[in-house]
Amino acid sequence: MSTVRQYLQAGLVDELHFAIAPVLLGRGEALFAGLDLPALGFRVVEHAATAAATHVVLARHA
C-alpha cells in the first residue's frame, strides 16, 4: 500500500474506485495514512451501497 500512497502524493493517480466489503481478512494496512486527500485535489464523485459492498469513486479535480 505504500506504493499507492507514493503514487497519490506524486499526483500520478486521477481516479480511484473502492469496493468496501465488511469482511475481516487480517490486520491490513491503512491506505490513506498520512495523506490529506482534499489537499491533493481528490473528492468523492460517486458512491453506491449494495448488499455486498459500498462503492466509492474518488477523482482528482484541477
PDB file of N, CA and C in Angstrom:
ATOM      1  N   MET A   1       0.808  -1.201   0.000  1.00  0.00           N
ATOM      2  CA  MET A   1       0.000   0.000   0.000  1.00  0.00           C
ATOM      3  C   MET A   1       0.850   1.263   0.000  1.00  0.00           C
ATOM      4  N   SER A   2       2.066   1.181   0.444  1.00  0.00           N
ATOM      5  CA  SER A   2       2.895   2.382   0.434  1.00  0.00           C
ATOM      6  C   SER A   2       3.137   2.849  -0.998  1.00  0.00           C
ATOM      7  N   THR A   3       3.147   1.932  -1.956  1.00  0.00           N
ATOM      8  CA  THR A   3       3.310   2.311  -3.361  1.00  0.00           C
ATOM      9  C   THR A   3       2.129   3.154  -3.816  1.00  0.00           C
ATOM     10  N   VAL A   4       0.928   2.767  -3.426  1.00  0.00           N
ATOM     11  CA  VAL A   4      -0.274   3.531  -3.786  1.00  0.00           C
ATOM     12  C   VAL A   4      -0.187   4.926  -3.178  1.00  0.00           C
ATOM     13  N   ARG A   5       0.222   5.033  -1.927  1.00  0.00           N
ATOM     14  CA  ARG A   5       0.356   6.352  -1.285  1.00  0.00           C
ATOM     15  C   ARG A   5       1.378   7.214  -2.020  1.00  0.00           C
ATOM     16  N   GLN A   6       2.482   6.622  -2.452  1.00  0.00           N
ATOM     17  CA  GLN A   6       3.502   7.372  -3.187  1.00  0.00           C
ATOM     18  C   GLN A   6       2.956   7.894  -4.516  1.00  0.00           C
ATOM     19  N   TYR A   7       2.193   7.068  -5.219  1.00  0.00           N
ATOM     20  CA  TYR A   7       1.589   7.496  -6.487  1.00  0.00           C
ATOM     21  C   TYR A   7       0.588   8.621  -6.248  1.00  0.00           C
ATOM     22  N   LEU A   8      -0.210   8.516  -5.188  1.00  0.00           N
ATOM     23  CA  LEU A   8      -1.168   9.569  -4.874  1.00  0.00           C
ATOM     24  C   LEU A   8      -0.457  10.879  -4.563  1.00  0.00           C
ATOM     25  N   GLN A   9       0.578  10.825  -3.748  1.00  0.00           N
ATOM     26  CA  GLN A   9       1.322  12.034  -3.377  1.00  0.00           C
ATOM     27  C   GLN A   9       2.010  12.665  -4.576  1.00  0.00           C
ATOM     28  N   ALA A  10       2.444  11.855  -5.526  1.00  0.00           N
ATOM     29  CA  ALA A  10       3.132  12.370  -6.712  1.00  0.00           C
ATOM     30  C   ALA A  10       2.170  12.911  -7.761  1.00  0.00           C
ATOM     31  N   GLY A  11       0.861  12.767  -7.527  1.00  0.00           N
ATOM     32  CA  GLY A  11      -0.121  13.270  -8.483  1.00  0.00           C
ATOM     33  C   GLY A  11      -0.262  12.397  -9.720  1.00  0.00           C
ATOM     34  N   LEU A  12       0.063  11.119  -9.611  1.00  0.00           N
ATOM     35  CA  LEU A  12       0.023  10.216 -10.751  1.00  0.00           C
ATOM     36  C   LEU A  12      -1.270   9.405 -10.850  1.00  0.00           C
ATOM     37  N   VAL A  13      -2.208   9.656  -9.955  1.00  0.00           N
ATOM     38  CA  VAL A  13      -3.490   8.953  -9.965  1.00  0.00           C
ATOM     39  C   VAL A  13      -4.591   9.992 -10.154  1.00  0.00           C
ATOM     40  N   ASP A  14      -5.479   9.742 -11.126  1.00  0.00           N
ATOM     41  CA  ASP A  14      -6.590  10.658 -11.382  1.00  0.00           C
ATOM     42  C   ASP A  14      -7.893  10.185 -10.763  1.00  0.00           C
ATOM     43  N   GLU A  15      -8.065   8.857 -10.659  1.00  0.00           N
ATOM     44  CA  GLU A  15      -9.328   8.329 -10.160  1.00  0.00           C
ATOM     45  C   GLU A  15      -9.099   7.003  -9.442  1.00  0.00           C
ATOM     46  N   LEU A  16      -9.851   6.794  -8.360  1.00  0.00           N
ATOM     47  CA  LEU A  16      -9.805   5.555  -7.593  1.00  0.00           C
ATOM     48  C   LEU A  16     -11.222   5.036  -7.401  1.00  0.00           C
ATOM     49  N   HIS A  17     -11.415   3.735  -7.561  1.00  0.00           N
ATOM     50  CA  HIS A  17     -12.713   3.101  -7.308  1.00  0.00           C
ATOM     51  C   HIS A  17     -12.481   2.040  -6.242  1.00  0.00           C
ATOM     52  N   PHE A  18     -13.157   2.204  -5.104  1.00  0.00           N
ATOM     53  CA  PHE A  18     -13.037   1.268  -3.993  1.00  0.00           C
ATOM     54  C   PHE A  18     -14.332   0.508  -3.818  1.00  0.00           C
ATOM     55  N   ALA A  19     -14.224  -0.780  -3.589  1.00  0.00           N
ATOM     56  CA  ALA A  19     -15.361  -1.602  -3.194  1.00  0.00           C
ATOM     57  C   ALA A  19     -15.053  -2.055  -1.774  1.00  0.00           C
ATOM     58  N   ILE A  20     -15.792  -1.529  -0.816  1.00  0.00           N
ATOM     59  CA  ILE A  20     -15.537  -1.792   0.599  1.00  0.00           C
ATOM     60  C   ILE A  20     -16.561  -2.811   1.085  1.00  0.00           C
ATOM     61  N   ALA A  21     -16.052  -3.978   1.475  1.00  0.00           N
ATOM     62  CA  ALA A  21     -16.927  -5.056   1.948  1.00  0.00           C
ATOM     63  C   ALA A  21     -16.627  -5.334   3.415  1.00  0.00           C
ATOM     64  N   PRO A  22     -17.660  -5.654   4.184  1.00  0.00           N
ATOM     65  CA  PRO A  22     -17.476  -5.906   5.616  1.00  0.00           C
ATOM     66  C   PRO A  22     -16.914  -7.305   5.887  1.00  0.00           C
ATOM     67  N   VAL A  23     -15.657  -7.520   5.488  1.00  0.00           N
ATOM     68  CA  VAL A  23     -15.002  -8.811   5.687  1.00  0.00           C
ATOM     69  C   VAL A  23     -13.666  -8.556   6.376  1.00  0.00           C
ATOM     70  N   LEU A  24     -13.428  -9.265   7.444  1.00  0.00           N
ATOM     71  CA  LEU A  24     -12.176  -9.126   8.176  1.00  0.00           C
ATOM     72  C   LEU A  24     -11.190 -10.175   7.670  1.00  0.00           C
ATOM     73  N   LEU A  25     -10.093  -9.704   7.056  1.00  0.00           N
ATOM     74  CA  LEU A  25      -9.110 -10.617   6.477  1.00  0.00           C
ATOM     75  C   LEU A  25      -7.783 -10.599   7.218  1.00  0.00           C
ATOM     76  N   GLY A  26      -7.670  -9.809   8.236  1.00  0.00           N
ATOM     77  CA  GLY A  26      -6.414  -9.703   8.964  1.00  0.00           C
ATOM     78  C   GLY A  26      -6.210  -8.284   9.443  1.00  0.00           C
ATOM     79  N   ARG A  27      -4.977  -7.967   9.785  1.00  0.00           N
ATOM     80  CA  ARG A  27      -4.689  -6.629  10.308  1.00  0.00           C
ATOM     81  C   ARG A  27      -4.818  -5.561   9.243  1.00  0.00           C
ATOM     82  N   GLY A  28      -4.329  -5.819   8.065  1.00  0.00           N
ATOM     83  CA  GLY A  28      -4.418  -4.852   6.982  1.00  0.00           C
ATOM     84  C   GLY A  28      -3.473  -3.683   7.161  1.00  0.00           C
ATOM     85  N   GLU A  29      -3.611  -2.714   6.290  1.00  0.00           N
ATOM     86  CA  GLU A  29      -2.784  -1.520   6.312  1.00  0.00           C
ATOM     87  C   GLU A  29      -3.667  -0.334   5.950  1.00  0.00           C
ATOM     88  N   ALA A  30      -3.487   0.768   6.632  1.00  0.00           N
ATOM     89  CA  ALA A  30      -4.289   1.964   6.374  1.00  0.00           C
ATOM     90  C   ALA A  30      -3.839   2.608   5.062  1.00  0.00           C
ATOM     91  N   LEU A  31      -4.685   2.548   4.059  1.00  0.00           N
ATOM     92  CA  LEU A  31      -4.331   3.038   2.727  1.00  0.00           C
ATOM     93  C   LEU A  31      -4.063   4.537   2.707  1.00  0.00           C
ATOM     94  N   PHE A  32      -4.864   5.300   3.433  1.00  0.00           N
ATOM     95  CA  PHE A  32      -4.751   6.756   3.363  1.00  0.00           C
ATOM     96  C   PHE A  32      -3.989   7.364   4.537  1.00  0.00           C
ATOM     97  N   ALA A  33      -3.255   6.566   5.278  1.00  0.00           N
ATOM     98  CA  ALA A  33      -2.488   7.072   6.426  1.00  0.00           C
ATOM     99  C   ALA A  33      -1.491   8.128   5.964  1.00  0.00           C
ATOM    100  N   GLY A  34      -1.553   9.276   6.594  1.00  0.00           N
ATOM    101  CA  GLY A  34      -0.613  10.350   6.280  1.00  0.00           C
ATOM    102  C   GLY A  34      -0.945  11.148   5.037  1.00  0.00           C
ATOM    103  N   LEU A  35      -2.099  10.896   4.430  1.00  0.00           N
ATOM    104  CA  LEU A  35      -2.495  11.630   3.227  1.00  0.00           C
ATOM    105  C   LEU A  35      -3.656  12.563   3.528  1.00  0.00           C
ATOM    106  N   ASP A  36      -3.624  13.725   2.932  1.00  0.00           N
ATOM    107  CA  ASP A  36      -4.741  14.660   3.004  1.00  0.00           C
ATOM    108  C   ASP A  36      -5.352  14.696   1.606  1.00  0.00           C
ATOM    109  N   LEU A  37      -6.301  13.821   1.350  1.00  0.00           N
ATOM    110  CA  LEU A  37      -6.861  13.692   0.004  1.00  0.00           C
ATOM    111  C   LEU A  37      -7.481  14.984  -0.532  1.00  0.00           C
ATOM    112  N   PRO A  38      -8.236  15.748   0.261  1.00  0.00           N
ATOM    113  CA  PRO A  38      -8.748  17.013  -0.268  1.00  0.00           C
ATOM    114  C   PRO A  38      -7.619  17.975  -0.669  1.00  0.00           C
ATOM    115  N   ALA A  39      -6.552  18.010   0.101  1.00  0.00           N
ATOM    116  CA  ALA A  39      -5.423  18.882  -0.247  1.00  0.00           C
ATOM    117  C   ALA A  39      -4.735  18.408  -1.525  1.00  0.00           C
ATOM    118  N   LEU A  40      -4.806  17.116  -1.807  1.00  0.00           N
ATOM    119  CA  LEU A  40      -4.235  16.575  -3.036  1.00  0.00           C
ATOM    120  C   LEU A  40      -5.177  16.726  -4.221  1.00  0.00           C
ATOM    121  N   GLY A  41      -6.375  17.277  -3.976  1.00  0.00           N
ATOM    122  CA  GLY A  41      -7.326  17.546  -5.051  1.00  0.00           C
ATOM    123  C   GLY A  41      -8.366  16.468  -5.263  1.00  0.00           C
ATOM    124  N   PHE A  42      -8.474  15.506  -4.353  1.00  0.00           N
ATOM    125  CA  PHE A  42      -9.448  14.425  -4.512  1.00  0.00           C
ATOM    126  C   PHE A  42     -10.761  14.762  -3.830  1.00  0.00           C
ATOM    127  N   ARG A  43     -11.836  14.270  -4.449  1.00  0.00           N
ATOM    128  CA  ARG A  43     -13.154  14.391  -3.849  1.00  0.00           C
ATOM    129  C   ARG A  43     -13.978  13.170  -4.252  1.00  0.00           C
ATOM    130  N   VAL A  44     -15.002  12.877  -3.483  1.00  0.00           N
ATOM    131  CA  VAL A  44     -15.900  11.773  -3.808  1.00  0.00           C
ATOM    132  C   VAL A  44     -16.796  12.228  -4.948  1.00  0.00           C
ATOM    133  N   VAL A  45     -16.776  11.492  -6.059  1.00  0.00           N
ATOM    134  CA  VAL A  45     -17.604  11.846  -7.209  1.00  0.00           C
ATOM    135  C   VAL A  45     -18.756  10.873  -7.403  1.00  0.00           C
ATOM    136  N   GLU A  46     -18.685   9.723  -6.722  1.00  0.00           N
ATOM    137  CA  GLU A  46     -19.755   8.736  -6.843  1.00  0.00           C
ATOM    138  C   GLU A  46     -19.686   7.799  -5.648  1.00  0.00           C
ATOM    139  N   HIS A  47     -20.836   7.378  -5.175  1.00  0.00           N
ATOM    140  CA  HIS A  47     -20.891   6.368  -4.126  1.00  0.00           C
ATOM    141  C   HIS A  47     -22.210   5.625  -4.241  1.00  0.00           C
ATOM    142  N   ALA A  48     -22.140   4.333  -3.952  1.00  0.00           N
ATOM    143  CA  ALA A  48     -23.343   3.498  -4.017  1.00  0.00           C
ATOM    144  C   ALA A  48     -23.179   2.346  -3.046  1.00  0.00           C
ATOM    145  N   ALA A  49     -24.242   2.044  -2.347  1.00  0.00           N
ATOM    146  CA  ALA A  49     -24.230   0.928  -1.414  1.00  0.00           C
ATOM    147  C   ALA A  49     -25.060  -0.212  -2.000  1.00  0.00           C
ATOM    148  N   THR A  50     -24.513  -1.414  -1.923  1.00  0.00           N
ATOM    149  CA  THR A  50     -25.235  -2.614  -2.318  1.00  0.00           C
ATOM    150  C   THR A  50     -25.291  -3.532  -1.104  1.00  0.00           C
ATOM    151  N   ALA A  51     -25.916  -4.667  -1.247  1.00  0.00           N
ATOM    152  CA  ALA A  51     -25.984  -5.620  -0.133  1.00  0.00           C
ATOM    153  C   ALA A  51     -24.614  -6.201   0.194  1.00  0.00           C
ATOM    154  N   ALA A  52     -23.723  -6.245  -0.777  1.00  0.00           N
ATOM    155  CA  ALA A  52     -22.419  -6.877  -0.587  1.00  0.00           C
ATOM    156  C   ALA A  52     -21.291  -5.899  -0.291  1.00  0.00           C
ATOM    157  N   ALA A  53     -21.416  -4.651  -0.751  1.00  0.00           N
ATOM    158  CA  ALA A  53     -20.297  -3.712  -0.599  1.00  0.00           C
ATOM    159  C   ALA A  53     -20.773  -2.278  -0.765  1.00  0.00           C
ATOM    160  N   THR A  54     -19.928  -1.366  -0.356  1.00  0.00           N
ATOM    161  CA  THR A  54     -20.124   0.057  -0.634  1.00  0.00           C
ATOM    162  C   THR A  54     -19.064   0.466  -1.637  1.00  0.00           C
ATOM    163  N   HIS A  55     -19.486   1.079  -2.719  1.00  0.00           N
ATOM    164  CA  HIS A  55     -18.574   1.505  -3.775  1.00  0.00           C
ATOM    165  C   HIS A  55     -18.377   3.017  -3.674  1.00  0.00           C
ATOM    166  N   VAL A  56     -17.121   3.426  -3.695  1.00  0.00           N
ATOM    167  CA  VAL A  56     -16.781   4.844  -3.610  1.00  0.00           C
ATOM    168  C   VAL A  56     -15.786   5.158  -4.711  1.00  0.00           C
ATOM    169  N   VAL A  57     -16.065   6.223  -5.457  1.00  0.00           N
ATOM    170  CA  VAL A  57     -15.145   6.678  -6.506  1.00  0.00           C
ATOM    171  C   VAL A  57     -14.614   8.036  -6.089  1.00  0.00           C
ATOM    172  N   LEU A  58     -13.289   8.138  -6.030  1.00  0.00           N
ATOM    173  CA  LEU A  58     -12.604   9.403  -5.748  1.00  0.00           C
ATOM    174  C   LEU A  58     -11.946   9.875  -7.027  1.00  0.00           C
ATOM    175  N   ALA A  59     -12.034  11.160  -7.321  1.00  0.00           N
ATOM    176  CA  ALA A  59     -11.399  11.707  -8.510  1.00  0.00           C
ATOM    177  C   ALA A  59     -10.668  12.990  -8.146  1.00  0.00           C
ATOM    178  N   ARG A  60      -9.584  13.222  -8.848  1.00  0.00           N
ATOM    179  CA  ARG A  60      -8.798  14.433  -8.635  1.00  0.00           C
ATOM    180  C   ARG A  60      -9.307  15.501  -9.588  1.00  0.00           C
ATOM    181  N   HIS A  61      -9.572  16.670  -9.054  1.00  0.00           N
ATOM    182  CA  HIS A  61     -10.033  17.776  -9.892  1.00  0.00           C
ATOM    183  C   HIS A  61      -8.961  18.851  -9.916  1.00  0.00           C
ATOM    184  N   ALA A  62      -8.987  19.621 -10.975  1.00  0.00           N
ATOM    185  CA  ALA A  62      -7.947  20.657 -11.161  1.00  0.00           C
ATOM    186  C   ALA A  62      -8.190  21.850 -10.269  1.00  0.00           C
TER     187      ALA A  62
END
